[in-house]
Amino acid sequence: MSYQDILYDVEDGIATVTMNRPDRLNAFSKAMVEELIDVIDVTDADDAVRAVIFTGAGRGFCAGADLSAGAKTFDKSERPSTDSIEALRDGGGRVTLRFYESKKPLIAAVNGPAVGIGMTMQLPMDFRIASTEARFGMVFTRRGVVMEACSSWFLPRVVGIAQAMEWVMSGRVFPADEALAGGLVSRVVAPDELLPAARAIAREIADNTSGVSVAMCRHMMWKMLGADHPMEAHKLDSRGMRDMGQLPDAHEGIQSFLEKRPGNYSMKPSTEMPDVFPWWEERKFE
């Protein structure tokens, strides 16, 4: 798939996805929906990619939905009618659900304004780092609409219900230091330090870990956010240790530690996940 509104680059095992509509502060477009979904298909299929960084071209990360259609931007009543339930789906939700299912760790490098979908698309990412120039906002109540991109599920789990309520109910835009205090981002850095900081995280993962282990642990933590008892984690941990312990990456991980050398992990997340994966049933939009 050729990309219109994003740029995709891979260097030394680290993929960088850049939302590329700088003249509109990278406002979210219909093309961007399909391209962001496709790019995760690409990174999941490429075992050379160990981590994925998302950022924005120019001075914005993503300024939210493209409002060029004016007052009826979100009004579907005048669009061609269809009986397809897929036509009802929120584009941002399709994107965040695909991010949620990624086998690779996702890193948001938030370089500027990130409001609406620009903020909610980050929620299923595993690391969020902000520039001092970043601004965030759950602005939906100020636009007379509702939260989207599955953010009513993600946001309270990421920052807690009290902080989520404050940001959503007020709809205000807030600075990077408030995002840090509220637990949305893990650090705030100077603009010229943002991408190096994101790449340092990606490099640490790429150079030292098993891609299969990373994919397993990523899904274990995200999926367990919906579990109703720690026994569910115990059952999964036990099966995961049983399956992983007999595989080459576990043997290499122990041997390299004993020999005091870096691990050389050979297993491919695209084709060699353990038998226990996936352990969940795919949810359908109904």
C-alpha atoms as a PDB file:
ATOM      1  CA  MET A   1       0.000   0.000   0.000  1.00  0.00           C
ATOM      2  CA  SER A   2       1.358   3.430  -0.939  1.00  0.00           C
ATOM      3  CA  TYR A   3       0.869   6.104   1.701  1.00  0.00           C
ATOM      4  CA  GLN A   4      -0.598   9.558   1.181  1.00  0.00           C
ATOM      5  CA  ASP A   5      -0.848  11.026   4.705  1.00  0.00           C
ATOM      6  CA  ILE A   6       1.866   9.180   6.604  1.00  0.00           C
ATOM      7  CA  LEU A   7       5.555   8.502   6.093  1.00  0.00           C
ATOM      8  CA  TYR A   8       7.100   5.140   6.959  1.00  0.00           C
ATOM      9  CA  ASP A   9      10.769   4.484   7.559  1.00  0.00           C
ATOM     10  CA  VAL A  10      12.757   1.623   9.079  1.00  0.00           C
ATOM     11  CA  GLU A  11      16.310   2.002  10.325  1.00  0.00           C
ATOM     12  CA  ASP A  12      18.253  -0.639  12.227  1.00  0.00           C
ATOM     13  CA  GLY A  13      15.166  -2.439  13.499  1.00  0.00           C
ATOM     14  CA  ILE A  14      13.217   0.667  14.511  1.00  0.00           C
ATOM     15  CA  ALA A  15      10.228   1.806  12.451  1.00  0.00           C
ATOM     16  CA  THR A  16       9.139   5.443  12.458  1.00  0.00           C
ATOM     17  CA  VAL A  17       5.637   6.439  11.378  1.00  0.00           C
ATOM     18  CA  THR A  18       5.210  10.162  10.753  1.00  0.00           C
ATOM     19  CA  MET A  19       1.768  11.665  10.269  1.00  0.00           C
ATOM     20  CA  ASN A  20       2.395  13.924   7.320  1.00  0.00           C
ATOM     21  CA  ARG A  21      -0.126  16.731   6.855  1.00  0.00           C
ATOM     22  CA  PRO A  22       1.952  19.519   8.407  1.00  0.00           C
ATOM     23  CA  ASP A  23      -0.060  22.294   6.758  1.00  0.00           C
ATOM     24  CA  ARG A  24      -3.075  21.126   8.818  1.00  0.00           C
ATOM     25  CA  LEU A  25      -1.134  20.143  11.953  1.00  0.00           C
ATOM     26  CA  ASN A  26      -1.528  16.536  10.780  1.00  0.00           C
ATOM     27  CA  ALA A  27      -5.301  16.579  11.170  1.00  0.00           C
ATOM     28  CA  PHE A  28      -6.778  13.088  11.028  1.00  0.00           C
ATOM     29  CA  SER A  29      -8.037  12.132   7.568  1.00  0.00           C
ATOM     30  CA  LYS A  30      -9.935   9.193   6.067  1.00  0.00           C
ATOM     31  CA  ALA A  31      -6.755   8.163   4.296  1.00  0.00           C
ATOM     32  CA  MET A  32      -4.884   8.207   7.593  1.00  0.00           C
ATOM     33  CA  VAL A  33      -7.332   5.689   9.068  1.00  0.00           C
ATOM     34  CA  GLU A  34      -6.515   3.065   6.453  1.00  0.00           C
ATOM     35  CA  GLU A  35      -2.818   3.899   6.394  1.00  0.00           C
ATOM     36  CA  LEU A  36      -2.313   3.626  10.162  1.00  0.00           C
ATOM     37  CA  ILE A  37      -4.107   0.280  10.179  1.00  0.00           C
ATOM     38  CA  ASP A  38      -2.025  -0.954   7.255  1.00  0.00           C
ATOM     39  CA  VAL A  39       1.270   0.168   8.757  1.00  0.00           C
ATOM     40  CA  ILE A  40       0.705  -2.044  11.809  1.00  0.00           C
ATOM     41  CA  ASP A  41      -0.002  -4.953   9.471  1.00  0.00           C
ATOM     42  CA  VAL A  42       3.375  -4.158   7.881  1.00  0.00           C
ATOM     43  CA  THR A  43       5.321  -3.919  11.146  1.00  0.00           C
ATOM     44  CA  ASP A  44       3.746  -7.088  12.542  1.00  0.00           C
ATOM     45  CA  ALA A  45       4.727  -8.997   9.412  1.00  0.00           C
ATOM     46  CA  ASP A  46       8.317  -7.690   9.378  1.00  0.00           C
ATOM     47  CA  ASP A  47      10.392  -9.531  11.966  1.00  0.00           C
ATOM     48  CA  ALA A  48      13.243  -7.073  11.429  1.00  0.00           C
ATOM     49  CA  VAL A  49      11.093  -4.370  13.053  1.00  0.00           C
ATOM     50  CA  ARG A  50      11.394  -4.515  16.840  1.00  0.00           C
ATOM     51  CA  ALA A  51       9.598  -1.297  17.864  1.00  0.00           C
ATOM     52  CA  VAL A  52       7.489   1.423  16.227  1.00  0.00           C
ATOM     53  CA  ILE A  53       7.691   5.173  16.913  1.00  0.00           C
ATOM     54  CA  PHE A  54       4.827   7.523  16.005  1.00  0.00           C
ATOM     55  CA  THR A  55       5.323  11.248  15.598  1.00  0.00           C
ATOM     56  CA  GLY A  56       4.085  14.181  13.518  1.00  0.00           C
ATOM     57  CA  ALA A  57       5.606  16.260  10.719  1.00  0.00           C
ATOM     58  CA  GLY A  58       6.145  19.943  11.402  1.00  0.00           C
ATOM     59  CA  ARG A  59       4.999  21.496  14.668  1.00  0.00           C
ATOM     60  CA  GLY A  60       2.025  19.233  15.408  1.00  0.00           C
ATOM     61  CA  PHE A  61       1.516  15.616  16.418  1.00  0.00           C
ATOM     62  CA  CYS A  62      -2.136  15.414  15.328  1.00  0.00           C
ATOM     63  CA  ALA A  63      -4.564  18.282  15.828  1.00  0.00           C
ATOM     64  CA  GLY A  64      -7.616  16.006  15.856  1.00  0.00           C
ATOM     65  CA  ALA A  65     -10.225  15.361  13.220  1.00  0.00           C
ATOM     66  CA  ASP A  66     -10.089  17.294   9.965  1.00  0.00           C
ATOM     67  CA  LEU A  67     -12.932  19.819  10.385  1.00  0.00           C
ATOM     68  CA  SER A  68     -12.784  21.171   6.845  1.00  0.00           C
ATOM     69  CA  ALA A  69     -16.365  19.944   6.242  1.00  0.00           C
ATOM     70  CA  GLY A  70     -17.559  22.481   8.790  1.00  0.00           C
ATOM     71  CA  ALA A  71     -20.472  22.072  11.190  1.00  0.00           C
ATOM     72  CA  LYS A  72     -21.541  18.758   9.659  1.00  0.00           C
ATOM     73  CA  THR A  73     -18.119  17.111   9.967  1.00  0.00           C
ATOM     74  CA  PHE A  74     -19.543  14.321  12.133  1.00  0.00           C
ATOM     75  CA  ASP A  75     -23.055  14.294  10.622  1.00  0.00           C
ATOM     76  CA  LYS A  76     -23.633  11.038   8.744  1.00  0.00           C
ATOM     77  CA  SER A  77     -27.312  11.679   8.008  1.00  0.00           C
ATOM     78  CA  GLU A  78     -26.625  13.195   4.591  1.00  0.00           C
ATOM     79  CA  ARG A  79     -24.106  10.603   3.483  1.00  0.00           C
ATOM     80  CA  PRO A  80     -25.098   7.784   1.135  1.00  0.00           C
ATOM     81  CA  SER A  81     -27.170   5.235   3.046  1.00  0.00           C
ATOM     82  CA  THR A  82     -25.853   1.723   3.504  1.00  0.00           C
ATOM     83  CA  ASP A  83     -27.032  -1.380   5.287  1.00  0.00           C
ATOM     84  CA  SER A  84     -23.471  -2.322   6.190  1.00  0.00           C
ATOM     85  CA  ILE A  85     -22.820  -2.217   9.913  1.00  0.00           C
ATOM     86  CA  GLU A  86     -19.169  -1.532   9.081  1.00  0.00           C
ATOM     87  CA  ALA A  87     -20.173   1.911   7.815  1.00  0.00           C
ATOM     88  CA  LEU A  88     -21.227   2.810  11.363  1.00  0.00           C
ATOM     89  CA  ARG A  89     -17.789   2.210  12.811  1.00  0.00           C
ATOM     90  CA  ASP A  90     -15.712   5.091  14.168  1.00  0.00           C
ATOM     91  CA  GLY A  91     -12.494   5.373  12.162  1.00  0.00           C
ATOM     92  CA  GLY A  92     -10.423   6.260  15.200  1.00  0.00           C
ATOM     93  CA  GLY A  93     -11.670   3.155  16.965  1.00  0.00           C
ATOM     94  CA  ARG A  94     -10.614   0.978  14.075  1.00  0.00           C
ATOM     95  CA  VAL A  95      -7.124   2.461  14.391  1.00  0.00           C
ATOM     96  CA  THR A  96      -6.782   2.083  18.162  1.00  0.00           C
ATOM     97  CA  LEU A  97      -8.102  -1.473  18.062  1.00  0.00           C
ATOM     98  CA  ARG A  98      -5.408  -2.336  15.523  1.00  0.00           C
ATOM     99  CA  PHE A  99      -2.782  -0.642  17.701  1.00  0.00           C
ATOM    100  CA  TYR A 100      -4.077  -2.667  20.659  1.00  0.00           C
ATOM    101  CA  GLU A 101      -3.484  -5.908  18.748  1.00  0.00           C
ATOM    102  CA  SER A 102       0.070  -5.009  17.660  1.00  0.00           C
ATOM    103  CA  LYS A 103       2.808  -7.542  18.362  1.00  0.00           C
ATOM    104  CA  LYS A 104       5.414  -4.774  18.469  1.00  0.00           C
ATOM    105  CA  PRO A 105       5.824  -2.127  21.183  1.00  0.00           C
ATOM    106  CA  LEU A 106       4.441   1.249  20.137  1.00  0.00           C
ATOM    107  CA  ILE A 107       6.018   4.554  21.200  1.00  0.00           C
ATOM    108  CA  ALA A 108       4.355   7.960  20.875  1.00  0.00           C
ATOM    109  CA  ALA A 109       6.820  10.835  20.441  1.00  0.00           C
ATOM    110  CA  VAL A 110       4.428  13.762  20.882  1.00  0.00           C
ATOM    111  CA  ASN A 111       6.050  16.773  19.298  1.00  0.00           C
ATOM    112  CA  GLY A 112       3.185  19.299  19.383  1.00  0.00           C
ATOM    113  CA  PRO A 113      -0.599  19.657  19.656  1.00  0.00           C
ATOM    114  CA  ALA A 114      -2.352  16.310  20.200  1.00  0.00           C
ATOM    115  CA  VAL A 115      -6.081  16.814  20.720  1.00  0.00           C
ATOM    116  CA  GLY A 116      -9.132  14.669  20.064  1.00  0.00           C
ATOM    117  CA  ILE A 117      -8.013  11.674  18.036  1.00  0.00           C
ATOM    118  CA  GLY A 118      -4.481  13.068  18.292  1.00  0.00           C
ATOM    119  CA  MET A 119      -4.623  12.207  21.994  1.00  0.00           C
ATOM    120  CA  THR A 120      -6.844   9.129  21.921  1.00  0.00           C
ATOM    121  CA  MET A 121      -4.769   7.316  19.288  1.00  0.00           C
ATOM    122  CA  GLN A 122      -1.870   7.327  21.760  1.00  0.00           C
ATOM    123  CA  LEU A 123      -3.738   5.527  24.522  1.00  0.00           C
ATOM    124  CA  PRO A 124      -3.087   1.938  23.314  1.00  0.00           C
ATOM    125  CA  MET A 125       0.568   2.772  22.735  1.00  0.00           C
ATOM    126  CA  ASP A 126       3.008   1.396  25.278  1.00  0.00           C
ATOM    127  CA  PHE A 127       5.196   4.462  25.808  1.00  0.00           C
ATOM    128  CA  ARG A 128       4.259   8.126  25.493  1.00  0.00           C
ATOM    129  CA  ILE A 129       6.953  10.806  25.564  1.00  0.00           C
ATOM    130  CA  ALA A 130       6.146  14.491  25.124  1.00  0.00           C
ATOM    131  CA  SER A 131       8.072  17.500  23.968  1.00  0.00           C
ATOM    132  CA  THR A 132       7.729  20.644  26.049  1.00  0.00           C
ATOM    133  CA  GLU A 133       5.843  21.982  23.011  1.00  0.00           C
ATOM    134  CA  ALA A 134       3.149  19.281  23.227  1.00  0.00           C
ATOM    135  CA  ARG A 135      -0.444  20.097  24.148  1.00  0.00           C
ATOM    136  CA  PHE A 136      -3.181  17.573  24.850  1.00  0.00           C
ATOM    137  CA  GLY A 137      -6.952  17.688  24.966  1.00  0.00           C
ATOM    138  CA  MET A 138     -10.007  15.463  25.231  1.00  0.00           C
ATOM    139  CA  VAL A 139     -12.064  18.194  23.570  1.00  0.00           C
ATOM    140  CA  PHE A 140     -15.200  16.201  22.681  1.00  0.00           C
ATOM    141  CA  THR A 141     -17.552  17.859  25.176  1.00  0.00           C
ATOM    142  CA  ARG A 142     -16.580  21.239  23.703  1.00  0.00           C
ATOM    143  CA  ARG A 143     -17.571  20.002  20.240  1.00  0.00           C
ATOM    144  CA  GLY A 144     -20.929  18.525  21.308  1.00  0.00           C
ATOM    145  CA  VAL A 145     -19.922  14.934  20.556  1.00  0.00           C
ATOM    146  CA  VAL A 146     -18.681  11.945  22.578  1.00  0.00           C
ATOM    147  CA  MET A 147     -15.375  10.259  23.226  1.00  0.00           C
ATOM    148  CA  GLU A 148     -14.133   8.086  20.360  1.00  0.00           C
ATOM    149  CA  ALA A 149     -11.353   5.685  19.419  1.00  0.00           C
ATOM    150  CA  CYS A 150     -12.287   3.382  22.334  1.00  0.00           C
ATOM    151  CA  SER A 151     -10.981   6.062  24.708  1.00  0.00           C
ATOM    152  CA  SER A 152     -13.733   5.459  27.279  1.00  0.00           C
ATOM    153  CA  TRP A 153     -12.050   2.061  27.780  1.00  0.00           C
ATOM    154  CA  PHE A 154      -8.422   3.121  27.433  1.00  0.00           C
ATOM    155  CA  LEU A 155      -8.188   6.493  29.199  1.00  0.00           C
ATOM    156  CA  PRO A 156      -9.405   5.461  32.690  1.00  0.00           C
ATOM    157  CA  ARG A 157      -7.103   2.443  32.556  1.00  0.00           C
ATOM    158  CA  VAL A 158      -4.103   4.562  31.580  1.00  0.00           C
ATOM    159  CA  VAL A 159      -4.565   7.521  33.972  1.00  0.00           C
ATOM    160  CA  GLY A 160      -7.295   6.444  36.435  1.00  0.00           C
ATOM    161  CA  ILE A 161     -10.952   7.377  36.512  1.00  0.00           C
ATOM    162  CA  ALA A 162     -10.582  10.659  38.468  1.00  0.00           C
ATOM    163  CA  GLN A 163      -8.021  12.166  36.100  1.00  0.00           C
ATOM    164  CA  ALA A 164      -9.909  10.869  33.069  1.00  0.00           C
ATOM    165  CA  MET A 165     -13.126  12.491  34.304  1.00  0.00           C
ATOM    166  CA  GLU A 166     -11.450  15.857  34.827  1.00  0.00           C
ATOM    167  CA  TRP A 167      -9.920  15.992  31.376  1.00  0.00           C
ATOM    168  CA  VAL A 168     -13.011  14.665  29.575  1.00  0.00           C
ATOM    169  CA  MET A 169     -15.670  16.653  31.444  1.00  0.00           C
ATOM    170  CA  SER A 170     -13.809  19.958  31.052  1.00  0.00           C
ATOM    171  CA  GLY A 171     -12.671  19.341  27.481  1.00  0.00           C
ATOM    172  CA  ARG A 172      -9.788  21.730  28.056  1.00  0.00           C
ATOM    173  CA  VAL A 173      -6.400  21.653  26.382  1.00  0.00           C
ATOM    174  CA  PHE A 174      -3.529  21.154  28.826  1.00  0.00           C
ATOM    175  CA  PRO A 175       0.275  21.326  28.655  1.00  0.00           C
ATOM    176  CA  ALA A 176       2.854  18.573  28.696  1.00  0.00           C
ATOM    177  CA  ASP A 177       3.766  18.990  32.369  1.00  0.00           C
ATOM    178  CA  GLU A 178       0.135  18.316  33.326  1.00  0.00           C
ATOM    179  CA  ALA A 179       0.128  15.235  31.089  1.00  0.00           C
ATOM    180  CA  LEU A 180       3.206  14.045  32.983  1.00  0.00           C
ATOM    181  CA  ALA A 181       1.681  14.721  36.407  1.00  0.00           C
ATOM    182  CA  GLY A 182      -1.517  12.939  35.340  1.00  0.00           C
ATOM    183  CA  GLY A 183       0.291   9.814  34.143  1.00  0.00           C
ATOM    184  CA  LEU A 184      -0.506  10.216  30.447  1.00  0.00           C
ATOM    185  CA  VAL A 185       3.163  10.511  29.468  1.00  0.00           C
ATOM    186  CA  SER A 186       6.230   9.065  31.167  1.00  0.00           C
ATOM    187  CA  ARG A 187       8.534  11.988  30.540  1.00  0.00           C
ATOM    188  CA  VAL A 188       8.761  15.483  29.045  1.00  0.00           C
ATOM    189  CA  VAL A 189      11.872  16.500  27.132  1.00  0.00           C
ATOM    190  CA  ALA A 190      13.140  19.411  25.064  1.00  0.00           C
ATOM    191  CA  PRO A 191      11.994  19.341  21.426  1.00  0.00           C
ATOM    192  CA  ASP A 192      15.416  18.354  20.091  1.00  0.00           C
ATOM    193  CA  GLU A 193      15.620  15.489  22.600  1.00  0.00           C
ATOM    194  CA  LEU A 194      12.238  13.940  21.742  1.00  0.00           C
ATOM    195  CA  LEU A 195      13.092  11.537  18.920  1.00  0.00           C
ATOM    196  CA  PRO A 196      16.440  10.549  20.466  1.00  0.00           C
ATOM    197  CA  ALA A 197      14.589   9.679  23.696  1.00  0.00           C
ATOM    198  CA  ALA A 198      12.033   7.587  21.782  1.00  0.00           C
ATOM    199  CA  ARG A 199      14.776   5.851  19.821  1.00  0.00           C
ATOM    200  CA  ALA A 200      16.696   5.093  23.027  1.00  0.00           C
ATOM    201  CA  ILE A 201      13.673   3.187  24.366  1.00  0.00           C
ATOM    202  CA  ALA A 202      13.266   1.350  21.070  1.00  0.00           C
ATOM    203  CA  ARG A 203      16.998   0.558  20.963  1.00  0.00           C
ATOM    204  CA  GLU A 204      16.950  -0.882  24.483  1.00  0.00           C
ATOM    205  CA  ILE A 205      14.166  -3.252  23.431  1.00  0.00           C
ATOM    206  CA  ALA A 206      15.662  -4.142  20.058  1.00  0.00           C
ATOM    207  CA  ASP A 207      19.139  -4.885  21.389  1.00  0.00           C
ATOM    208  CA  ASN A 208      18.297  -6.887  24.485  1.00  0.00           C
ATOM    209  CA  THR A 209      15.028  -8.781  24.244  1.00  0.00           C
ATOM    210  CA  SER A 210      13.225 -11.625  22.524  1.00  0.00           C
ATOM    211  CA  GLY A 211      10.624 -10.335  20.084  1.00  0.00           C
ATOM    212  CA  VAL A 212       8.324 -13.244  20.947  1.00  0.00           C
ATOM    213  CA  SER A 213       8.651 -12.548  24.679  1.00  0.00           C
ATOM    214  CA  VAL A 214       7.925  -8.860  24.114  1.00  0.00           C
ATOM    215  CA  ALA A 215       4.820  -9.653  22.057  1.00  0.00           C
ATOM    216  CA  MET A 216       3.562 -12.102  24.682  1.00  0.00           C
ATOM    217  CA  CYS A 217       4.155  -9.759  27.616  1.00  0.00           C
ATOM    218  CA  ARG A 218       2.598  -6.803  25.786  1.00  0.00           C
ATOM    219  CA  HIS A 219      -0.611  -8.720  25.191  1.00  0.00           C
ATOM    220  CA  MET A 220      -0.640 -10.245  28.663  1.00  0.00           C
ATOM    221  CA  MET A 221      -0.632  -6.822  30.307  1.00  0.00           C
ATOM    222  CA  TRP A 222      -3.137  -5.156  27.989  1.00  0.00           C
ATOM    223  CA  LYS A 223      -5.539  -8.099  27.992  1.00  0.00           C
ATOM    224  CA  MET A 224      -5.376  -8.511  31.767  1.00  0.00           C
ATOM    225  CA  LEU A 225      -6.706  -4.980  32.240  1.00  0.00           C
ATOM    226  CA  GLY A 226     -10.126  -6.512  31.601  1.00  0.00           C
ATOM    227  CA  ALA A 227      -9.708  -9.611  33.784  1.00  0.00           C
ATOM    228  CA  ASP A 228     -12.017 -10.005  36.778  1.00  0.00           C
ATOM    229  CA  HIS A 229      -9.603 -11.901  39.073  1.00  0.00           C
ATOM    230  CA  PRO A 230      -5.825 -12.446  39.391  1.00  0.00           C
ATOM    231  CA  MET A 231      -6.462 -16.152  38.864  1.00  0.00           C
ATOM    232  CA  GLU A 232      -6.913 -15.314  35.175  1.00  0.00           C
ATOM    233  CA  ALA A 233      -3.351 -13.985  35.129  1.00  0.00           C
ATOM    234  CA  HIS A 234      -2.106 -17.035  37.014  1.00  0.00           C
ATOM    235  CA  LYS A 235      -3.682 -19.384  34.484  1.00  0.00           C
ATOM    236  CA  LEU A 236      -2.162 -17.467  31.580  1.00  0.00           C
ATOM    237  CA  ASP A 237       1.251 -17.046  33.233  1.00  0.00           C
ATOM    238  CA  SER A 238       1.402 -20.787  33.898  1.00  0.00           C
ATOM    239  CA  ARG A 239       0.544 -21.783  30.357  1.00  0.00           C
ATOM    240  CA  GLY A 240       2.841 -19.132  28.934  1.00  0.00           C
ATOM    241  CA  MET A 241       5.807 -20.323  31.009  1.00  0.00           C
ATOM    242  CA  ARG A 242       5.078 -23.921  30.012  1.00  0.00           C
ATOM    243  CA  ASP A 243       5.011 -23.073  26.305  1.00  0.00           C
ATOM    244  CA  MET A 244       7.834 -20.537  26.240  1.00  0.00           C
ATOM    245  CA  GLY A 245      10.196 -22.505  28.474  1.00  0.00           C
ATOM    246  CA  GLN A 246      10.671 -25.229  25.856  1.00  0.00           C
ATOM    247  CA  LEU A 247      11.352 -22.836  22.976  1.00  0.00           C
ATOM    248  CA  PRO A 248      14.726 -21.659  21.595  1.00  0.00           C
ATOM    249  CA  ASP A 249      14.478 -18.063  22.851  1.00  0.00           C
ATOM    250  CA  ALA A 250      14.098 -19.226  26.467  1.00  0.00           C
ATOM    251  CA  HIS A 251      17.085 -21.557  26.110  1.00  0.00           C
ATOM    252  CA  GLU A 252      19.115 -18.719  24.593  1.00  0.00           C
ATOM    253  CA  GLY A 253      18.002 -16.234  27.246  1.00  0.00           C
ATOM    254  CA  ILE A 254      19.266 -18.450  30.074  1.00  0.00           C
ATOM    255  CA  GLN A 255      22.440 -19.555  28.298  1.00  0.00           C
ATOM    256  CA  SER A 256      23.441 -16.003  27.335  1.00  0.00           C
ATOM    257  CA  PHE A 257      22.909 -14.870  30.932  1.00  0.00           C
ATOM    258  CA  LEU A 258      25.079 -17.676  32.288  1.00  0.00           C
ATOM    259  CA  GLU A 259      27.759 -16.924  29.716  1.00  0.00           C
ATOM    260  CA  LYS A 260      27.540 -13.183  30.431  1.00  0.00           C
ATOM    261  CA  ARG A 261      26.949 -12.217  26.804  1.00  0.00           C
ATOM    262  CA  PRO A 262      24.119 -10.511  24.877  1.00  0.00           C
ATOM    263  CA  GLY A 263      21.286 -12.801  23.854  1.00  0.00           C
ATOM    264  CA  ASN A 264      20.932 -13.803  20.230  1.00  0.00           C
ATOM    265  CA  TYR A 265      17.199 -14.440  19.877  1.00  0.00           C
ATOM    266  CA  SER A 266      16.094 -16.199  16.714  1.00  0.00           C
ATOM    267  CA  MET A 267      12.337 -16.700  17.029  1.00  0.00           C
ATOM    268  CA  LYS A 268       9.976 -14.762  14.750  1.00  0.00           C
ATOM    269  CA  PRO A 269       6.860 -13.095  16.196  1.00  0.00           C
ATOM    270  CA  SER A 270       5.203 -13.268  12.771  1.00  0.00           C
ATOM    271  CA  THR A 271       5.223 -17.076  12.615  1.00  0.00           C
ATOM    272  CA  GLU A 272       6.610 -18.590  15.837  1.00  0.00           C
ATOM    273  CA  MET A 273       4.395 -17.427  18.682  1.00  0.00           C
ATOM    274  CA  PRO A 274       3.812 -20.125  21.322  1.00  0.00           C
ATOM    275  CA  ASP A 275       0.747 -22.356  21.202  1.00  0.00           C
ATOM    276  CA  VAL A 276      -1.042 -20.384  23.925  1.00  0.00           C
ATOM    277  CA  PHE A 277      -1.106 -17.286  21.674  1.00  0.00           C
ATOM    278  CA  PRO A 278      -3.702 -15.980  21.040  1.00  0.00           C
ATOM    279  CA  TRP A 279      -5.695 -17.009  24.105  1.00  0.00           C
ATOM    280  CA  TRP A 280      -8.602 -14.587  23.541  1.00  0.00           C
ATOM    281  CA  GLU A 281     -11.586 -14.663  21.234  1.00  0.00           C
ATOM    282  CA  GLU A 282     -11.711 -11.939  18.604  1.00  0.00           C
ATOM    283  CA  ARG A 283     -14.428  -9.386  19.349  1.00  0.00           C
ATOM    284  CA  LYS A 284     -16.777  -8.389  16.547  1.00  0.00           C
ATOM    285  CA  PHE A 285     -18.531  -5.086  15.936  1.00  0.00           C
ATOM    286  CA  GLU A 286     -22.258  -5.808  16.200  1.00  0.00           C
END
